[in-house]
Amino acid sequence: MTEAEQEQLRHQLYELQIEHRDLDGIIAHLHETGVVDPLKLQRMKKRKLRLKDQISKIEDLLIPNILA
């Protein structure tokens, strides 16, 4: 993997982490206020899980497994 590709992955990772953190805050706020559309909340939680999966995949690409 070239340095440019690694830099692109780091940038993508940063963006995904921001979106994940923002969704976490929104979900927490909705729970605190009690104003919750169950379907909307479920979609946000699924999006958050997909983001976490994407983050993990990129981290695995950037941080090689030493034991492998």
PDB file of N, CA and C in Angstrom:
ATOM      1  N   MET A   1       0.854  -1.171   0.000  1.00  0.00           N
ATOM      2  CA  MET A   1       0.000   0.000   0.000  1.00  0.00           C
ATOM      3  C   MET A   1       0.899   1.234   0.000  1.00  0.00           C
ATOM      4  N   THR A   2       0.588   2.155  -0.878  1.00  0.00           N
ATOM      5  CA  THR A   2       1.403   3.362  -0.985  1.00  0.00           C
ATOM      6  C   THR A   2       1.079   4.332   0.143  1.00  0.00           C
ATOM      7  N   GLU A   3       1.950   5.292   0.326  1.00  0.00           N
ATOM      8  CA  GLU A   3       1.745   6.321   1.356  1.00  0.00           C
ATOM      9  C   GLU A   3       0.482   7.132   1.059  1.00  0.00           C
ATOM     10  N   ALA A   4       0.225   7.399  -0.215  1.00  0.00           N
ATOM     11  CA  ALA A   4      -0.974   8.159  -0.595  1.00  0.00           C
ATOM     12  C   ALA A   4      -2.240   7.378  -0.241  1.00  0.00           C
ATOM     13  N   GLU A   5      -2.220   6.069  -0.475  1.00  0.00           N
ATOM     14  CA  GLU A   5      -3.369   5.233  -0.141  1.00  0.00           C
ATOM     15  C   GLU A   5      -3.583   5.184   1.374  1.00  0.00           C
ATOM     16  N   GLN A   6      -2.487   5.100   2.120  1.00  0.00           N
ATOM     17  CA  GLN A   6      -2.593   5.103   3.574  1.00  0.00           C
ATOM     18  C   GLN A   6      -3.156   6.428   4.081  1.00  0.00           C
ATOM     19  N   GLU A   7      -2.711   7.509   3.487  1.00  0.00           N
ATOM     20  CA  GLU A   7      -3.212   8.827   3.887  1.00  0.00           C
ATOM     21  C   GLU A   7      -4.704   8.954   3.589  1.00  0.00           C
ATOM     22  N   GLN A   8      -5.118   8.436   2.452  1.00  0.00           N
ATOM     23  CA  GLN A   8      -6.533   8.466   2.087  1.00  0.00           C
ATOM     24  C   GLN A   8      -7.359   7.644   3.089  1.00  0.00           C
ATOM     25  N   LEU A   9      -6.843   6.483   3.475  1.00  0.00           N
ATOM     26  CA  LEU A   9      -7.537   5.651   4.457  1.00  0.00           C
ATOM     27  C   LEU A   9      -7.604   6.340   5.826  1.00  0.00           C
ATOM     28  N   ARG A  10      -6.522   7.014   6.220  1.00  0.00           N
ATOM     29  CA  ARG A  10      -6.531   7.744   7.497  1.00  0.00           C
ATOM     30  C   ARG A  10      -7.570   8.857   7.486  1.00  0.00           C
ATOM     31  N   HIS A  11      -7.681   9.533   6.355  1.00  0.00           N
ATOM     32  CA  HIS A  11      -8.681  10.602   6.238  1.00  0.00           C
ATOM     33  C   HIS A  11     -10.100  10.014   6.300  1.00  0.00           C
ATOM     34  N   GLN A  12     -10.317   8.931   5.589  1.00  0.00           N
ATOM     35  CA  GLN A  12     -11.624   8.263   5.611  1.00  0.00           C
ATOM     36  C   GLN A  12     -11.944   7.784   7.022  1.00  0.00           C
ATOM     37  N   LEU A  13     -10.957   7.235   7.715  1.00  0.00           N
ATOM     38  CA  LEU A  13     -11.131   6.771   9.085  1.00  0.00           C
ATOM     39  C   LEU A  13     -11.544   7.930   9.989  1.00  0.00           C
ATOM     40  N   TYR A  14     -10.874   9.059   9.847  1.00  0.00           N
ATOM     41  CA  TYR A  14     -11.182  10.251  10.636  1.00  0.00           C
ATOM     42  C   TYR A  14     -12.625  10.689  10.413  1.00  0.00           C
ATOM     43  N   GLU A  15     -13.048  10.737   9.158  1.00  0.00           N
ATOM     44  CA  GLU A  15     -14.414  11.155   8.824  1.00  0.00           C
ATOM     45  C   GLU A  15     -15.448  10.192   9.412  1.00  0.00           C
ATOM     46  N   LEU A  16     -15.186   8.901   9.315  1.00  0.00           N
ATOM     47  CA  LEU A  16     -16.113   7.902   9.854  1.00  0.00           C
ATOM     48  C   LEU A  16     -16.195   7.999  11.375  1.00  0.00           C
ATOM     49  N   GLN A  17     -15.069   8.241  12.029  1.00  0.00           N
ATOM     50  CA  GLN A  17     -15.059   8.378  13.488  1.00  0.00           C
ATOM     51  C   GLN A  17     -15.871   9.590  13.935  1.00  0.00           C
ATOM     52  N   ILE A  18     -15.776  10.677  13.192  1.00  0.00           N
ATOM     53  CA  ILE A  18     -16.563  11.876  13.508  1.00  0.00           C
ATOM     54  C   ILE A  18     -18.051  11.580  13.369  1.00  0.00           C
ATOM     55  N   GLU A  19     -18.426  10.941  12.263  1.00  0.00           N
ATOM     56  CA  GLU A  19     -19.838  10.615  12.048  1.00  0.00           C
ATOM     57  C   GLU A  19     -20.348   9.664  13.135  1.00  0.00           C
ATOM     58  N   HIS A  20     -19.536   8.685  13.515  1.00  0.00           N
ATOM     59  CA  HIS A  20     -19.910   7.732  14.560  1.00  0.00           C
ATOM     60  C   HIS A  20     -20.129   8.457  15.893  1.00  0.00           C
ATOM     61  N   ARG A  21     -19.206   9.344  16.239  1.00  0.00           N
ATOM     62  CA  ARG A  21     -19.314  10.105  17.483  1.00  0.00           C
ATOM     63  C   ARG A  21     -20.552  11.015  17.470  1.00  0.00           C
ATOM     64  N   ASP A  22     -20.803  11.660  16.332  1.00  0.00           N
ATOM     65  CA  ASP A  22     -21.974  12.530  16.209  1.00  0.00           C
ATOM     66  C   ASP A  22     -23.273  11.743  16.382  1.00  0.00           C
ATOM     67  N   LEU A  23     -23.352  10.585  15.746  1.00  0.00           N
ATOM     68  CA  LEU A  23     -24.546   9.743  15.873  1.00  0.00           C
ATOM     69  C   LEU A  23     -24.741   9.294  17.317  1.00  0.00           C
ATOM     70  N   ASP A  24     -23.649   8.967  17.977  1.00  0.00           N
ATOM     71  CA  ASP A  24     -23.717   8.569  19.379  1.00  0.00           C
ATOM     72  C   ASP A  24     -24.313   9.695  20.224  1.00  0.00           C
ATOM     73  N   GLY A  25     -23.874  10.908  19.965  1.00  0.00           N
ATOM     74  CA  GLY A  25     -24.409  12.062  20.692  1.00  0.00           C
ATOM     75  C   GLY A  25     -25.878  12.311  20.409  1.00  0.00           C
ATOM     76  N   ILE A  26     -26.263  12.171  19.170  1.00  0.00           N
ATOM     77  CA  ILE A  26     -27.668  12.372  18.793  1.00  0.00           C
ATOM     78  C   ILE A  26     -28.549  11.326  19.453  1.00  0.00           C
ATOM     79  N   ILE A  27     -28.111  10.074  19.410  1.00  0.00           N
ATOM     80  CA  ILE A  27     -28.888   8.994  20.014  1.00  0.00           C
ATOM     81  C   ILE A  27     -29.026   9.214  21.518  1.00  0.00           C
ATOM     82  N   ALA A  28     -27.956   9.602  22.175  1.00  0.00           N
ATOM     83  CA  ALA A  28     -28.006   9.872  23.622  1.00  0.00           C
ATOM     84  C   ALA A  28     -28.956  11.030  23.917  1.00  0.00           C
ATOM     85  N   HIS A  29     -28.894  12.071  23.099  1.00  0.00           N
ATOM     86  CA  HIS A  29     -29.777  13.227  23.301  1.00  0.00           C
ATOM     87  C   HIS A  29     -31.245  12.837  23.135  1.00  0.00           C
ATOM     88  N   LEU A  30     -31.540  12.025  22.137  1.00  0.00           N
ATOM     89  CA  LEU A  30     -32.917  11.589  21.920  1.00  0.00           C
ATOM     90  C   LEU A  30     -33.426  10.783  23.115  1.00  0.00           C
ATOM     91  N   HIS A  31     -32.570   9.950  23.674  1.00  0.00           N
ATOM     92  CA  HIS A  31     -32.963   9.166  24.850  1.00  0.00           C
ATOM     93  C   HIS A  31     -33.212  10.082  26.057  1.00  0.00           C
ATOM     94  N   GLU A  32     -32.365  11.091  26.223  1.00  0.00           N
ATOM     95  CA  GLU A  32     -32.498  12.002  27.365  1.00  0.00           C
ATOM     96  C   GLU A  32     -33.774  12.835  27.285  1.00  0.00           C
ATOM     97  N   THR A  33     -34.110  13.284  26.090  1.00  0.00           N
ATOM     98  CA  THR A  33     -35.276  14.150  25.929  1.00  0.00           C
ATOM     99  C   THR A  33     -36.573  13.363  25.864  1.00  0.00           C
ATOM    100  N   GLY A  34     -36.472  12.094  25.549  1.00  0.00           N
ATOM    101  CA  GLY A  34     -37.673  11.268  25.457  1.00  0.00           C
ATOM    102  C   GLY A  34     -38.426  11.451  24.156  1.00  0.00           C
ATOM    103  N   VAL A  35     -37.905  12.294  23.279  1.00  0.00           N
ATOM    104  CA  VAL A  35     -38.529  12.503  21.979  1.00  0.00           C
ATOM    105  C   VAL A  35     -37.890  11.520  21.005  1.00  0.00           C
ATOM    106  N   VAL A  36     -38.522  10.357  20.879  1.00  0.00           N
ATOM    107  CA  VAL A  36     -37.903   9.300  20.087  1.00  0.00           C
ATOM    108  C   VAL A  36     -38.913   8.712  19.110  1.00  0.00           C
ATOM    109  N   ASP A  37     -38.557   8.761  17.846  1.00  0.00           N
ATOM    110  CA  ASP A  37     -39.280   8.025  16.825  1.00  0.00           C
ATOM    111  C   ASP A  37     -38.575   6.676  16.737  1.00  0.00           C
ATOM    112  N   PRO A  38     -39.248   5.595  17.172  1.00  0.00           N
ATOM    113  CA  PRO A  38     -38.572   4.289  17.242  1.00  0.00           C
ATOM    114  C   PRO A  38     -37.914   3.857  15.928  1.00  0.00           C
ATOM    115  N   LEU A  39     -38.564   4.110  14.815  1.00  0.00           N
ATOM    116  CA  LEU A  39     -38.008   3.717  13.527  1.00  0.00           C
ATOM    117  C   LEU A  39     -36.754   4.528  13.208  1.00  0.00           C
ATOM    118  N   LYS A  40     -36.817   5.828  13.458  1.00  0.00           N
ATOM    119  CA  LYS A  40     -35.660   6.692  13.217  1.00  0.00           C
ATOM    120  C   LYS A  40     -34.500   6.296  14.123  1.00  0.00           C
ATOM    121  N   LEU A  41     -34.789   6.001  15.380  1.00  0.00           N
ATOM    122  CA  LEU A  41     -33.760   5.599  16.331  1.00  0.00           C
ATOM    123  C   LEU A  41     -33.116   4.279  15.891  1.00  0.00           C
ATOM    124  N   GLN A  42     -33.916   3.346  15.447  1.00  0.00           N
ATOM    125  CA  GLN A  42     -33.400   2.060  14.978  1.00  0.00           C
ATOM    126  C   GLN A  42     -32.483   2.248  13.772  1.00  0.00           C
ATOM    127  N   ARG A  43     -32.876   3.115  12.853  1.00  0.00           N
ATOM    128  CA  ARG A  43     -32.046   3.383  11.675  1.00  0.00           C
ATOM    129  C   ARG A  43     -30.724   4.019  12.066  1.00  0.00           C
ATOM    130  N   MET A  44     -30.759   4.938  13.034  1.00  0.00           N
ATOM    131  CA  MET A  44     -29.532   5.578  13.495  1.00  0.00           C
ATOM    132  C   MET A  44     -28.596   4.569  14.149  1.00  0.00           C
ATOM    133  N   LYS A  45     -29.158   3.675  14.934  1.00  0.00           N
ATOM    134  CA  LYS A  45     -28.340   2.661  15.599  1.00  0.00           C
ATOM    135  C   LYS A  45     -27.710   1.704  14.580  1.00  0.00           C
ATOM    136  N   LYS A  46     -28.470   1.345  13.544  1.00  0.00           N
ATOM    137  CA  LYS A  46     -27.928   0.479  12.495  1.00  0.00           C
ATOM    138  C   LYS A  46     -26.816   1.189  11.734  1.00  0.00           C
ATOM    139  N   ARG A  47     -27.018   2.465  11.453  1.00  0.00           N
ATOM    140  CA  ARG A  47     -25.988   3.261  10.774  1.00  0.00           C
ATOM    141  C   ARG A  47     -24.724   3.322  11.632  1.00  0.00           C
ATOM    142  N   LYS A  48     -24.914   3.504  12.923  1.00  0.00           N
ATOM    143  CA  LYS A  48     -23.780   3.572  13.843  1.00  0.00           C
ATOM    144  C   LYS A  48     -23.007   2.246  13.831  1.00  0.00           C
ATOM    145  N   LEU A  49     -23.712   1.120  13.809  1.00  0.00           N
ATOM    146  CA  LEU A  49     -23.052  -0.184  13.750  1.00  0.00           C
ATOM    147  C   LEU A  49     -22.289  -0.378  12.433  1.00  0.00           C
ATOM    148  N   ARG A  50     -22.896   0.065  11.326  1.00  0.00           N
ATOM    149  CA  ARG A  50     -22.203  -0.036  10.034  1.00  0.00           C
ATOM    150  C   ARG A  50     -20.934   0.814  10.035  1.00  0.00           C
ATOM    151  N   LEU A  51     -21.018   1.995  10.644  1.00  0.00           N
ATOM    152  CA  LEU A  51     -19.844   2.856  10.736  1.00  0.00           C
ATOM    153  C   LEU A  51     -18.745   2.187  11.553  1.00  0.00           C
ATOM    154  N   LYS A  52     -19.133   1.570  12.664  1.00  0.00           N
ATOM    155  CA  LYS A  52     -18.156   0.883  13.510  1.00  0.00           C
ATOM    156  C   LYS A  52     -17.470  -0.239  12.741  1.00  0.00           C
ATOM    157  N   ASP A  53     -18.222  -0.978  11.936  1.00  0.00           N
ATOM    158  CA  ASP A  53     -17.648  -2.039  11.113  1.00  0.00           C
ATOM    159  C   ASP A  53     -16.656  -1.468  10.099  1.00  0.00           C
ATOM    160  N   GLN A  54     -17.025  -0.368   9.458  1.00  0.00           N
ATOM    161  CA  GLN A  54     -16.139   0.260   8.490  1.00  0.00           C
ATOM    162  C   GLN A  54     -14.864   0.762   9.170  1.00  0.00           C
ATOM    163  N   ILE A  55     -15.028   1.353  10.340  1.00  0.00           N
ATOM    164  CA  ILE A  55     -13.879   1.850  11.098  1.00  0.00           C
ATOM    165  C   ILE A  55     -12.934   0.694  11.419  1.00  0.00           C
ATOM    166  N   SER A  56     -13.470  -0.411  11.866  1.00  0.00           N
ATOM    167  CA  SER A  56     -12.651  -1.581  12.216  1.00  0.00           C
ATOM    168  C   SER A  56     -11.898  -2.117  11.005  1.00  0.00           C
ATOM    169  N   LYS A  57     -12.551  -2.169   9.855  1.00  0.00           N
ATOM    170  CA  LYS A  57     -11.899  -2.670   8.646  1.00  0.00           C
ATOM    171  C   LYS A  57     -10.730  -1.778   8.236  1.00  0.00           C
ATOM    172  N   ILE A  58     -10.944  -0.478   8.302  1.00  0.00           N
ATOM    173  CA  ILE A  58      -9.871   0.451   7.926  1.00  0.00           C
ATOM    174  C   ILE A  58      -8.723   0.375   8.925  1.00  0.00           C
ATOM    175  N   GLU A  59      -9.051   0.281  10.206  1.00  0.00           N
ATOM    176  CA  GLU A  59      -7.999   0.152  11.216  1.00  0.00           C
ATOM    177  C   GLU A  59      -7.184  -1.114  10.983  1.00  0.00           C
ATOM    178  N   ASP A  60      -7.843  -2.199  10.606  1.00  0.00           N
ATOM    179  CA  ASP A  60      -7.140  -3.449  10.321  1.00  0.00           C
ATOM    180  C   ASP A  60      -6.195  -3.292   9.131  1.00  0.00           C
ATOM    181  N   LEU A  61      -6.599  -2.507   8.145  1.00  0.00           N
ATOM    182  CA  LEU A  61      -5.736  -2.273   6.988  1.00  0.00           C
ATOM    183  C   LEU A  61      -4.524  -1.417   7.352  1.00  0.00           C
ATOM    184  N   LEU A  62      -4.749  -0.444   8.220  1.00  0.00           N
ATOM    185  CA  LEU A  62      -3.674   0.480   8.584  1.00  0.00           C
ATOM    186  C   LEU A  62      -2.726  -0.082   9.637  1.00  0.00           C
ATOM    187  N   ILE A  63      -3.227  -0.952  10.490  1.00  0.00           N
ATOM    188  CA  ILE A  63      -2.409  -1.527  11.555  1.00  0.00           C
ATOM    189  C   ILE A  63      -2.260  -3.012  11.263  1.00  0.00           C
ATOM    190  N   PRO A  64      -1.128  -3.402  10.703  1.00  0.00           N
ATOM    191  CA  PRO A  64      -0.954  -4.821  10.355  1.00  0.00           C
ATOM    192  C   PRO A  64      -0.929  -5.707  11.590  1.00  0.00           C
ATOM    193  N   ASN A  65      -1.435  -6.907  11.422  1.00  0.00           N
ATOM    194  CA  ASN A  65      -1.454  -7.888  12.500  1.00  0.00           C
ATOM    195  C   ASN A  65      -0.056  -8.493  12.626  1.00  0.00           C
ATOM    196  N   ILE A  66       0.620  -8.225  13.714  1.00  0.00           N
ATOM    197  CA  ILE A  66       1.997  -8.673  13.908  1.00  0.00           C
ATOM    198  C   ILE A  66       2.077 -10.202  13.986  1.00  0.00           C
ATOM    199  N   LEU A  67       1.053 -10.841  14.508  1.00  0.00           N
ATOM    200  CA  LEU A  67       1.069 -12.286  14.666  1.00  0.00           C
ATOM    201  C   LEU A  67       0.789 -13.030  13.362  1.00  0.00           C
ATOM    202  N   ALA A  68       0.267 -12.353  12.383  1.00  0.00           N
ATOM    203  CA  ALA A  68      -0.100 -13.017  11.122  1.00  0.00           C
ATOM    204  C   ALA A  68       1.123 -13.378  10.308  1.00  0.00           C
TER     205      ALA A  68
END
